[in-house]
Amino acid sequence: MERLRIDRWLWCARFFKARNLAATQVTAGHVRVNGQRAKPAHEIKIGDALTIARGSDECEVVVAAIPGRRGPAREAASCYVETEASLERRRLRAERRAGAQRFDPPTAGRPDKRTRRLIRERQRGGIIP
């Protein structure tokens, strides 16, 4: 196999959990092939550059292999190579997130009612004022 539909490749490479989700994201323009928008039926080949946007995260990969099936994660990771710029952006974003998650309670010692509420909100992923 020299070529494969982009929605199927994204599913096999484990960028998306379902093939129809991959097709939806390609149709919405969140996946670009060599800088151009593509349709789900667009066939990609080894060497194509993909830009994949998922939420606030965006990664740039180069197709390294065409998989024959959706296999384990290790096999899927061998199908692409992430660019250095993309790896650096993800590292910086992770550092910013880690710095933002630091939480100093407003009271020292045993937390009061307000502090306990803030801690619970933080654990649920809510926004702290």
N, C-alpha and C. Protein backbone atom coordinates (compact mmCIF):
# COMPACT_ATOMS: atom_id res chain seq x y z
N MET A 1 0.83 -1.18 0.00
CA MET A 1 0.00 0.00 0.00
C MET A 1 0.88 1.25 0.00
N GLU A 2 0.69 2.08 -0.98
CA GLU A 2 1.47 3.31 -1.08
C GLU A 2 0.69 4.52 -0.62
N ARG A 3 -0.63 4.44 -0.68
CA ARG A 3 -1.49 5.56 -0.30
C ARG A 3 -2.63 5.07 0.58
N LEU A 4 -3.18 5.99 1.38
CA LEU A 4 -4.29 5.64 2.27
C LEU A 4 -5.12 6.90 2.51
N ARG A 5 -6.42 6.72 2.64
CA ARG A 5 -7.30 7.86 2.94
C ARG A 5 -6.84 8.52 4.23
N ILE A 6 -6.93 9.85 4.27
CA ILE A 6 -6.43 10.57 5.44
C ILE A 6 -7.22 10.24 6.70
N ASP A 7 -8.54 10.07 6.60
CA ASP A 7 -9.31 9.75 7.80
C ASP A 7 -8.92 8.39 8.36
N ARG A 8 -8.66 7.45 7.48
CA ARG A 8 -8.25 6.13 7.94
C ARG A 8 -6.84 6.15 8.53
N TRP A 9 -5.93 6.93 7.91
CA TRP A 9 -4.58 7.03 8.44
C TRP A 9 -4.59 7.65 9.83
N LEU A 10 -5.36 8.72 10.02
CA LEU A 10 -5.44 9.37 11.34
C LEU A 10 -5.98 8.40 12.39
N TRP A 11 -6.94 7.59 12.02
CA TRP A 11 -7.52 6.59 12.93
C TRP A 11 -6.49 5.50 13.23
N CYS A 12 -5.81 4.99 12.21
CA CYS A 12 -4.80 3.94 12.41
C CYS A 12 -3.62 4.45 13.22
N ALA A 13 -3.25 5.71 13.05
CA ALA A 13 -2.12 6.29 13.78
C ALA A 13 -2.55 6.77 15.17
N ARG A 14 -3.80 6.53 15.53
CA ARG A 14 -4.34 6.81 16.86
C ARG A 14 -4.37 8.29 17.23
N PHE A 15 -4.60 9.15 16.26
CA PHE A 15 -4.83 10.55 16.56
C PHE A 15 -6.27 10.78 16.99
N PHE A 16 -7.17 9.92 16.50
CA PHE A 16 -8.59 9.99 16.87
C PHE A 16 -9.09 8.60 17.21
N LYS A 17 -10.07 8.54 18.12
CA LYS A 17 -10.58 7.25 18.59
C LYS A 17 -11.46 6.55 17.58
N ALA A 18 -12.12 7.32 16.74
CA ALA A 18 -13.03 6.72 15.75
C ALA A 18 -12.75 7.32 14.37
N ARG A 19 -12.98 6.52 13.36
CA ARG A 19 -12.72 6.99 12.01
C ARG A 19 -13.68 8.10 11.61
N ASN A 20 -14.94 8.01 12.06
CA ASN A 20 -15.89 9.07 11.71
C ASN A 20 -15.53 10.38 12.40
N LEU A 21 -14.92 10.33 13.58
CA LEU A 21 -14.44 11.54 14.25
C LEU A 21 -13.29 12.15 13.46
N ALA A 22 -12.40 11.31 12.96
CA ALA A 22 -11.30 11.79 12.13
C ALA A 22 -11.84 12.45 10.86
N ALA A 23 -12.84 11.83 10.24
CA ALA A 23 -13.44 12.40 9.03
C ALA A 23 -14.10 13.74 9.32
N THR A 24 -14.76 13.84 10.47
CA THR A 24 -15.41 15.10 10.86
C THR A 24 -14.38 16.20 11.05
N GLN A 25 -13.27 15.89 11.70
CA GLN A 25 -12.23 16.88 11.94
C GLN A 25 -11.56 17.32 10.64
N VAL A 26 -11.37 16.39 9.72
CA VAL A 26 -10.79 16.74 8.42
C VAL A 26 -11.75 17.66 7.66
N THR A 27 -13.03 17.33 7.67
CA THR A 27 -14.03 18.14 6.99
C THR A 27 -14.10 19.54 7.59
N ALA A 28 -13.95 19.64 8.91
CA ALA A 28 -14.04 20.93 9.60
C ALA A 28 -12.79 21.78 9.38
N GLY A 29 -11.75 21.22 8.77
CA GLY A 29 -10.55 21.99 8.48
C GLY A 29 -9.51 21.95 9.58
N HIS A 30 -9.65 21.05 10.54
CA HIS A 30 -8.69 20.96 11.64
C HIS A 30 -7.46 20.13 11.27
N VAL A 31 -7.50 19.51 10.10
CA VAL A 31 -6.35 18.73 9.62
C VAL A 31 -5.97 19.27 8.25
N ARG A 32 -4.69 19.60 8.09
CA ARG A 32 -4.21 20.12 6.81
C ARG A 32 -3.11 19.21 6.28
N VAL A 33 -3.12 19.02 4.97
CA VAL A 33 -2.10 18.20 4.30
C VAL A 33 -1.25 19.13 3.46
N ASN A 34 0.05 19.18 3.79
CA ASN A 34 0.98 20.07 3.09
C ASN A 34 0.46 21.51 3.05
N GLY A 35 -0.16 21.94 4.15
CA GLY A 35 -0.66 23.31 4.26
C GLY A 35 -2.02 23.56 3.63
N GLN A 36 -2.61 22.56 3.00
CA GLN A 36 -3.89 22.72 2.31
C GLN A 36 -4.99 21.97 3.04
N ARG A 37 -6.20 22.51 3.03
CA ARG A 37 -7.34 21.77 3.56
C ARG A 37 -7.59 20.56 2.67
N ALA A 38 -8.11 19.50 3.28
CA ALA A 38 -8.35 18.28 2.53
C ALA A 38 -9.71 17.72 2.87
N LYS A 39 -10.17 16.80 2.05
CA LYS A 39 -11.40 16.07 2.32
C LYS A 39 -11.02 14.73 2.95
N PRO A 40 -11.96 14.07 3.63
CA PRO A 40 -11.64 12.78 4.27
C PRO A 40 -11.15 11.72 3.29
N ALA A 41 -11.54 11.80 2.04
CA ALA A 41 -11.13 10.79 1.05
C ALA A 41 -9.77 11.11 0.43
N HIS A 42 -9.16 12.23 0.81
CA HIS A 42 -7.85 12.60 0.26
C HIS A 42 -6.84 11.51 0.61
N GLU A 43 -6.10 11.06 -0.39
CA GLU A 43 -5.13 10.00 -0.15
C GLU A 43 -3.77 10.62 0.16
N ILE A 44 -3.18 10.14 1.26
CA ILE A 44 -1.86 10.65 1.64
C ILE A 44 -0.82 9.58 1.35
N LYS A 45 0.43 10.04 1.24
CA LYS A 45 1.53 9.13 0.96
C LYS A 45 2.68 9.44 1.91
N ILE A 46 3.67 8.60 1.93
CA ILE A 46 4.83 8.80 2.80
C ILE A 46 5.52 10.10 2.41
N GLY A 47 5.83 10.92 3.42
CA GLY A 47 6.50 12.19 3.18
C GLY A 47 5.57 13.39 3.26
N ASP A 48 4.25 13.17 3.27
CA ASP A 48 3.30 14.27 3.39
C ASP A 48 3.39 14.88 4.79
N ALA A 49 3.25 16.20 4.86
CA ALA A 49 3.27 16.90 6.14
C ALA A 49 1.83 17.19 6.56
N LEU A 50 1.48 16.80 7.79
CA LEU A 50 0.14 17.01 8.31
C LEU A 50 0.19 17.96 9.50
N THR A 51 -0.78 18.86 9.56
CA THR A 51 -0.97 19.73 10.72
C THR A 51 -2.31 19.34 11.33
N ILE A 52 -2.28 18.86 12.57
CA ILE A 52 -3.47 18.34 13.23
C ILE A 52 -3.77 19.21 14.44
N ALA A 53 -4.93 19.86 14.45
CA ALA A 53 -5.35 20.71 15.57
C ALA A 53 -6.39 19.96 16.37
N ARG A 54 -6.11 19.79 17.67
CA ARG A 54 -7.05 19.14 18.58
C ARG A 54 -7.22 20.05 19.79
N GLY A 55 -8.33 20.78 19.84
CA GLY A 55 -8.53 21.72 20.93
C GLY A 55 -7.52 22.85 20.81
N SER A 56 -6.82 23.14 21.90
CA SER A 56 -5.80 24.19 21.88
C SER A 56 -4.44 23.63 21.47
N ASP A 57 -4.36 22.33 21.28
CA ASP A 57 -3.11 21.68 20.93
C ASP A 57 -3.03 21.50 19.42
N GLU A 58 -1.87 21.77 18.85
CA GLU A 58 -1.67 21.58 17.41
C GLU A 58 -0.33 20.89 17.22
N CYS A 59 -0.32 19.83 16.45
CA CYS A 59 0.95 19.15 16.20
C CYS A 59 1.17 19.02 14.70
N GLU A 60 2.44 19.03 14.34
CA GLU A 60 2.84 18.88 12.95
C GLU A 60 3.61 17.58 12.83
N VAL A 61 3.17 16.72 11.94
CA VAL A 61 3.82 15.42 11.76
C VAL A 61 4.09 15.19 10.28
N VAL A 62 5.05 14.32 10.04
CA VAL A 62 5.37 13.88 8.68
C VAL A 62 5.05 12.39 8.61
N VAL A 63 4.33 11.99 7.59
CA VAL A 63 3.94 10.58 7.44
C VAL A 63 5.19 9.76 7.14
N ALA A 64 5.45 8.76 7.99
CA ALA A 64 6.62 7.91 7.82
C ALA A 64 6.28 6.54 7.28
N ALA A 65 5.02 6.10 7.48
CA ALA A 65 4.62 4.78 7.01
C ALA A 65 3.11 4.75 6.80
N ILE A 66 2.69 3.84 5.98
CA ILE A 66 1.27 3.61 5.76
C ILE A 66 0.91 2.32 6.48
N PRO A 67 0.11 2.40 7.55
CA PRO A 67 -0.21 1.19 8.32
C PRO A 67 -1.20 0.30 7.58
N GLY A 68 -1.09 -0.98 7.82
CA GLY A 68 -2.03 -1.93 7.22
C GLY A 68 -3.25 -2.14 8.10
N ARG A 69 -3.13 -1.78 9.38
CA ARG A 69 -4.23 -1.98 10.32
C ARG A 69 -4.06 -1.01 11.48
N ARG A 70 -5.08 -0.89 12.30
CA ARG A 70 -4.99 -0.10 13.53
C ARG A 70 -4.45 -1.02 14.61
N GLY A 71 -3.19 -0.90 14.88
CA GLY A 71 -2.54 -1.79 15.82
C GLY A 71 -2.29 -1.11 17.15
N PRO A 72 -1.37 -1.66 17.94
CA PRO A 72 -1.05 -1.08 19.24
C PRO A 72 -0.38 0.29 19.09
N ALA A 73 -0.32 1.02 20.20
CA ALA A 73 0.21 2.39 20.18
C ALA A 73 1.64 2.45 19.67
N ARG A 74 2.46 1.49 20.03
CA ARG A 74 3.86 1.50 19.59
C ARG A 74 3.93 1.38 18.07
N GLU A 75 3.10 0.54 17.50
CA GLU A 75 3.05 0.38 16.05
C GLU A 75 2.53 1.65 15.39
N ALA A 76 1.54 2.28 16.00
CA ALA A 76 0.96 3.51 15.47
C ALA A 76 1.97 4.65 15.50
N ALA A 77 2.77 4.73 16.56
CA ALA A 77 3.76 5.81 16.68
C ALA A 77 4.85 5.71 15.62
N SER A 78 5.06 4.53 15.07
CA SER A 78 6.08 4.39 14.04
C SER A 78 5.59 4.86 12.67
N CYS A 79 4.34 5.26 12.58
CA CYS A 79 3.77 5.70 11.30
C CYS A 79 4.03 7.18 11.02
N TYR A 80 4.53 7.92 12.01
CA TYR A 80 4.75 9.35 11.81
C TYR A 80 5.95 9.83 12.62
N VAL A 81 6.46 11.00 12.21
CA VAL A 81 7.55 11.66 12.92
C VAL A 81 7.09 13.09 13.20
N GLU A 82 7.10 13.47 14.47
CA GLU A 82 6.69 14.83 14.83
C GLU A 82 7.86 15.78 14.62
N THR A 83 7.57 16.97 14.09
CA THR A 83 8.63 17.94 13.81
C THR A 83 9.19 18.52 15.10
N GLU A 84 10.42 19.02 15.04
CA GLU A 84 11.07 19.61 16.21
C GLU A 84 10.31 20.83 16.72
N ALA A 85 9.82 21.66 15.81
CA ALA A 85 9.07 22.86 16.22
C ALA A 85 7.81 22.48 16.98
N SER A 86 7.14 21.45 16.52
CA SER A 86 5.92 20.98 17.18
C SER A 86 6.23 20.43 18.57
N LEU A 87 7.30 19.67 18.70
CA LEU A 87 7.71 19.12 20.00
C LEU A 87 8.04 20.26 20.98
N GLU A 88 8.73 21.28 20.49
CA GLU A 88 9.09 22.41 21.34
C GLU A 88 7.85 23.17 21.81
N ARG A 89 6.89 23.40 20.90
CA ARG A 89 5.64 24.09 21.28
C ARG A 89 4.88 23.30 22.33
N ARG A 90 4.79 21.98 22.16
CA ARG A 90 4.08 21.15 23.15
C ARG A 90 4.79 21.17 24.49
N ARG A 91 6.14 21.17 24.48
CA ARG A 91 6.89 21.22 25.73
C ARG A 91 6.64 22.54 26.46
N LEU A 92 6.67 23.66 25.73
CA LEU A 92 6.42 24.96 26.35
C LEU A 92 5.00 25.05 26.90
N ARG A 93 4.03 24.52 26.15
CA ARG A 93 2.63 24.53 26.61
C ARG A 93 2.48 23.70 27.89
N ALA A 94 3.16 22.57 27.96
CA ALA A 94 3.10 21.72 29.15
C ALA A 94 3.72 22.43 30.35
N GLU A 95 4.82 23.14 30.14
CA GLU A 95 5.44 23.89 31.23
C GLU A 95 4.52 24.98 31.74
N ARG A 96 3.86 25.70 30.81
CA ARG A 96 2.91 26.74 31.22
C ARG A 96 1.75 26.16 32.01
N ARG A 97 1.25 25.01 31.56
CA ARG A 97 0.14 24.36 32.28
C ARG A 97 0.57 23.94 33.67
N ALA A 98 1.77 23.40 33.79
CA ALA A 98 2.27 22.95 35.09
C ALA A 98 2.44 24.13 36.03
N GLY A 99 2.90 25.27 35.52
CA GLY A 99 3.05 26.46 36.34
C GLY A 99 1.71 27.03 36.76
N ALA A 100 0.72 26.92 35.90
CA ALA A 100 -0.60 27.47 36.20
C ALA A 100 -1.35 26.61 37.21
N GLN A 101 -0.97 25.34 37.35
CA GLN A 101 -1.69 24.45 38.25
C GLN A 101 -1.25 24.60 39.70
N ARG A 102 -0.20 25.37 39.93
CA ARG A 102 0.25 25.56 41.30
C ARG A 102 -0.82 26.33 42.07
N PHE A 103 -1.15 25.86 43.25
CA PHE A 103 -2.24 26.45 44.02
C PHE A 103 -1.78 26.66 45.45
N ASP A 104 -1.78 27.90 45.88
CA ASP A 104 -1.47 28.23 47.26
C ASP A 104 -2.77 28.58 47.97
N PRO A 105 -3.15 27.79 48.97
CA PRO A 105 -4.40 28.10 49.67
C PRO A 105 -4.33 29.46 50.36
N PRO A 106 -5.46 30.16 50.43
CA PRO A 106 -5.46 31.50 51.02
C PRO A 106 -5.23 31.51 52.53
N THR A 107 -5.36 30.38 53.20
CA THR A 107 -5.14 30.34 54.64
C THR A 107 -4.00 29.39 54.96
N ALA A 108 -3.32 29.67 56.06
CA ALA A 108 -2.24 28.79 56.50
C ALA A 108 -2.83 27.76 57.45
N GLY A 109 -2.24 26.56 57.45
CA GLY A 109 -2.72 25.52 58.35
C GLY A 109 -3.95 24.83 57.82
N ARG A 110 -4.86 24.49 58.73
CA ARG A 110 -6.07 23.77 58.35
C ARG A 110 -6.97 24.66 57.49
N PRO A 111 -7.45 24.13 56.35
CA PRO A 111 -8.27 24.96 55.46
C PRO A 111 -9.64 25.28 56.06
N ASP A 112 -10.08 26.52 55.81
CA ASP A 112 -11.43 26.90 56.23
C ASP A 112 -12.42 26.52 55.14
N LYS A 113 -13.67 26.89 55.33
CA LYS A 113 -14.74 26.49 54.40
C LYS A 113 -14.46 26.98 52.98
N ARG A 114 -14.06 28.23 52.83
CA ARG A 114 -13.80 28.80 51.51
C ARG A 114 -12.63 28.08 50.84
N THR A 115 -11.58 27.82 51.57
CA THR A 115 -10.40 27.15 51.02
C THR A 115 -10.74 25.73 50.58
N ARG A 116 -11.54 25.02 51.38
CA ARG A 116 -11.95 23.67 50.99
C ARG A 116 -12.74 23.70 49.69
N ARG A 117 -13.61 24.70 49.55
CA ARG A 117 -14.40 24.82 48.32
C ARG A 117 -13.47 25.08 47.13
N LEU A 118 -12.48 25.95 47.30
CA LEU A 118 -11.53 26.22 46.23
C LEU A 118 -10.73 24.98 45.85
N ILE A 119 -10.35 24.21 46.85
CA ILE A 119 -9.58 22.98 46.59
C ILE A 119 -10.44 21.99 45.82
N ARG A 120 -11.70 21.83 46.20
CA ARG A 120 -12.60 20.91 45.48
C ARG A 120 -12.80 21.37 44.04
N GLU A 121 -12.98 22.66 43.84
CA GLU A 121 -13.14 23.19 42.47
C GLU A 121 -11.89 22.92 41.65
N ARG A 122 -10.74 23.07 42.27
CA ARG A 122 -9.48 22.83 41.57
C ARG A 122 -9.36 21.38 41.15
N GLN A 123 -9.77 20.46 42.03
CA GLN A 123 -9.69 19.03 41.73
C GLN A 123 -10.64 18.66 40.61
N ARG A 124 -11.77 19.32 40.50
CA ARG A 124 -12.74 19.04 39.44
C ARG A 124 -12.36 19.71 38.12
N GLY A 125 -11.37 20.57 38.15
CA GLY A 125 -10.95 21.25 36.92
C GLY A 125 -11.66 22.56 36.70
N GLY A 126 -12.30 23.06 37.73
CA GLY A 126 -13.02 24.34 37.63
C GLY A 126 -12.07 25.51 37.66
N ILE A 127 -12.60 26.68 37.48
CA ILE A 127 -11.81 27.91 37.45
C ILE A 127 -11.81 28.51 38.84
N ILE A 128 -10.66 28.90 39.31
CA ILE A 128 -10.55 29.52 40.63
C ILE A 128 -10.46 31.02 40.44
N PRO A 129 -11.27 31.77 41.16
CA PRO A 129 -11.23 33.25 41.02
C PRO A 129 -9.95 33.82 41.54
